[in-house]
């Protein structure tokens, strides 16, 4: 159990930082700073930037943060040796051996 503590400490730290970023973007840009952001218009659409963040921006930021989280967790998993590509010891040898009885004395 002690071995898992540093892993989960990093994991919770990543989650906290990423959720704080999402909160700052969705609440800050969509509610608190909407008047200042509405002075800026999105090129090509004419939408006010504050309106865009309230309607679309926080969702897009959340999707980007999901990809960032996946990348961070893959790196953390490799660092702690728990990534999905690592096979437990002894499993690799089982894949190389044919199943018992396969190909031996088979008749039709």
Protein backbone atom coordinates (compact mmCIF):
# COMPACT_ATOMS: atom_id res chain seq x y z
CA UNK A 1 0.00 0.00 0.00
CA UNK A 2 2.88 2.36 0.70
CA UNK A 3 4.08 1.97 -2.89
CA UNK A 4 0.79 3.33 -4.22
CA UNK A 5 0.84 6.54 -2.17
CA UNK A 6 3.26 8.53 -4.41
CA UNK A 7 1.36 7.42 -7.51
CA UNK A 8 -1.98 8.59 -6.14
CA UNK A 9 -0.45 11.79 -4.78
CA UNK A 10 0.66 12.70 -8.30
CA UNK A 11 -2.66 11.58 -9.78
CA UNK A 12 -4.72 13.73 -7.37
CA UNK A 13 -2.37 16.67 -7.97
CA UNK A 14 -2.91 16.38 -11.74
CA UNK A 15 -6.68 16.19 -11.28
CA UNK A 16 -6.73 19.18 -8.94
CA UNK A 17 -4.68 21.41 -11.25
CA UNK A 18 -6.64 20.44 -14.36
CA UNK A 19 -10.02 20.92 -12.68
CA UNK A 20 -8.91 24.30 -11.33
CA UNK A 21 -7.95 25.33 -14.86
CA UNK A 22 -11.35 24.20 -16.14
CA UNK A 23 -13.12 26.04 -13.31
CA UNK A 24 -11.14 29.22 -13.97
CA UNK A 25 -11.97 29.11 -17.68
CA UNK A 26 -15.65 28.19 -17.34
CA UNK A 27 -16.51 30.34 -14.31
CA UNK A 28 -13.96 33.10 -14.81
CA UNK A 29 -14.27 33.62 -18.56
CA UNK A 30 -17.94 32.70 -18.80
CA UNK A 31 -19.23 34.66 -15.79
CA UNK A 32 -16.73 36.90 -13.97
CA UNK A 33 -14.86 38.44 -16.90
CA UNK A 34 -17.66 38.22 -19.45
CA UNK A 35 -18.05 42.01 -19.82
CA UNK A 36 -14.35 42.52 -20.55
CA UNK A 37 -14.27 39.57 -22.94
CA UNK A 38 -17.42 40.72 -24.74
CA UNK A 39 -15.46 43.71 -26.04
CA UNK A 40 -13.58 41.22 -28.23
CA UNK A 41 -15.37 39.60 -31.15
CA UNK A 42 -14.43 36.29 -32.73
CA UNK A 43 -13.15 36.77 -36.28
CA UNK A 44 -15.45 35.48 -38.98
CA UNK A 45 -18.45 34.95 -36.72
CA UNK A 46 -18.94 38.22 -34.90
CA UNK A 47 -19.75 36.45 -31.64
CA UNK A 48 -18.62 38.14 -28.47
CA UNK A 49 -15.76 36.26 -26.81
CA UNK A 50 -17.45 36.20 -23.37
CA UNK A 51 -20.58 34.68 -24.89
CA UNK A 52 -18.46 32.13 -26.77
CA UNK A 53 -16.65 31.05 -23.57
CA UNK A 54 -19.95 30.71 -21.74
CA UNK A 55 -21.48 28.60 -24.53
CA UNK A 56 -18.59 26.73 -26.18
CA UNK A 57 -15.20 27.65 -24.79
CA UNK A 58 -15.39 25.85 -21.47
CA UNK A 59 -16.48 22.66 -23.23
CA UNK A 60 -13.56 22.87 -25.67
CA UNK A 61 -11.14 23.55 -22.83
CA UNK A 62 -12.52 20.52 -20.96
CA UNK A 63 -11.97 18.28 -24.01
CA UNK A 64 -8.39 19.54 -24.36
CA UNK A 65 -7.81 18.94 -20.64
CA UNK A 66 -8.97 15.34 -21.06
CA UNK A 67 -6.23 14.77 -23.65
CA UNK A 68 -3.70 16.49 -21.38
CA UNK A 69 -4.78 14.23 -18.50
CA UNK A 70 -4.38 11.11 -20.65
CA UNK A 71 -0.87 12.19 -21.66
CA UNK A 72 0.09 12.99 -18.04
CA UNK A 73 -1.32 9.69 -16.76
CA UNK A 74 0.44 7.64 -19.44
CA UNK A 75 3.71 9.27 -18.44
CA UNK A 76 2.97 8.69 -14.73
CA UNK A 77 2.04 5.04 -15.39
CA UNK A 78 5.32 4.45 -17.22
CA UNK A 79 7.23 6.14 -14.41
CA UNK A 80 5.69 3.83 -11.81
CA UNK A 81 5.77 0.73 -14.05
CA UNK A 82 2.01 0.27 -14.27
CA UNK A 83 1.44 1.25 -17.90
CA UNK A 84 -0.82 -0.88 -20.05
CA UNK A 85 1.95 -1.94 -22.43
CA UNK A 86 4.00 -3.56 -19.64
CA UNK A 87 3.27 -7.26 -19.33
CA UNK A 88 3.71 -9.01 -16.01
CA UNK A 89 6.75 -11.25 -15.74
CA UNK A 90 6.13 -14.71 -17.14
CA UNK A 91 3.26 -13.72 -19.39
CA UNK A 92 5.44 -13.04 -22.42
CA UNK A 93 6.77 -16.60 -22.39
CA UNK A 94 3.23 -18.02 -22.39
CA UNK A 95 2.43 -16.25 -25.65
CA UNK A 96 5.42 -17.87 -27.37
CA UNK A 97 4.47 -21.43 -26.46
CA UNK A 98 1.69 -23.26 -28.34
CA UNK A 99 -1.25 -24.49 -26.32
CA UNK A 100 -0.98 -28.03 -24.98
CA UNK A 101 -1.98 -30.51 -27.63
CA UNK A 102 -2.22 -28.01 -30.43
CA UNK A 103 -0.87 -29.43 -33.64
CA UNK A 104 0.18 -32.72 -32.07
CA UNK A 105 -1.48 -35.86 -33.36
CA UNK A 106 -4.53 -34.15 -34.74
CA UNK A 107 -6.48 -36.30 -37.15
CA UNK A 108 -9.55 -35.62 -39.19
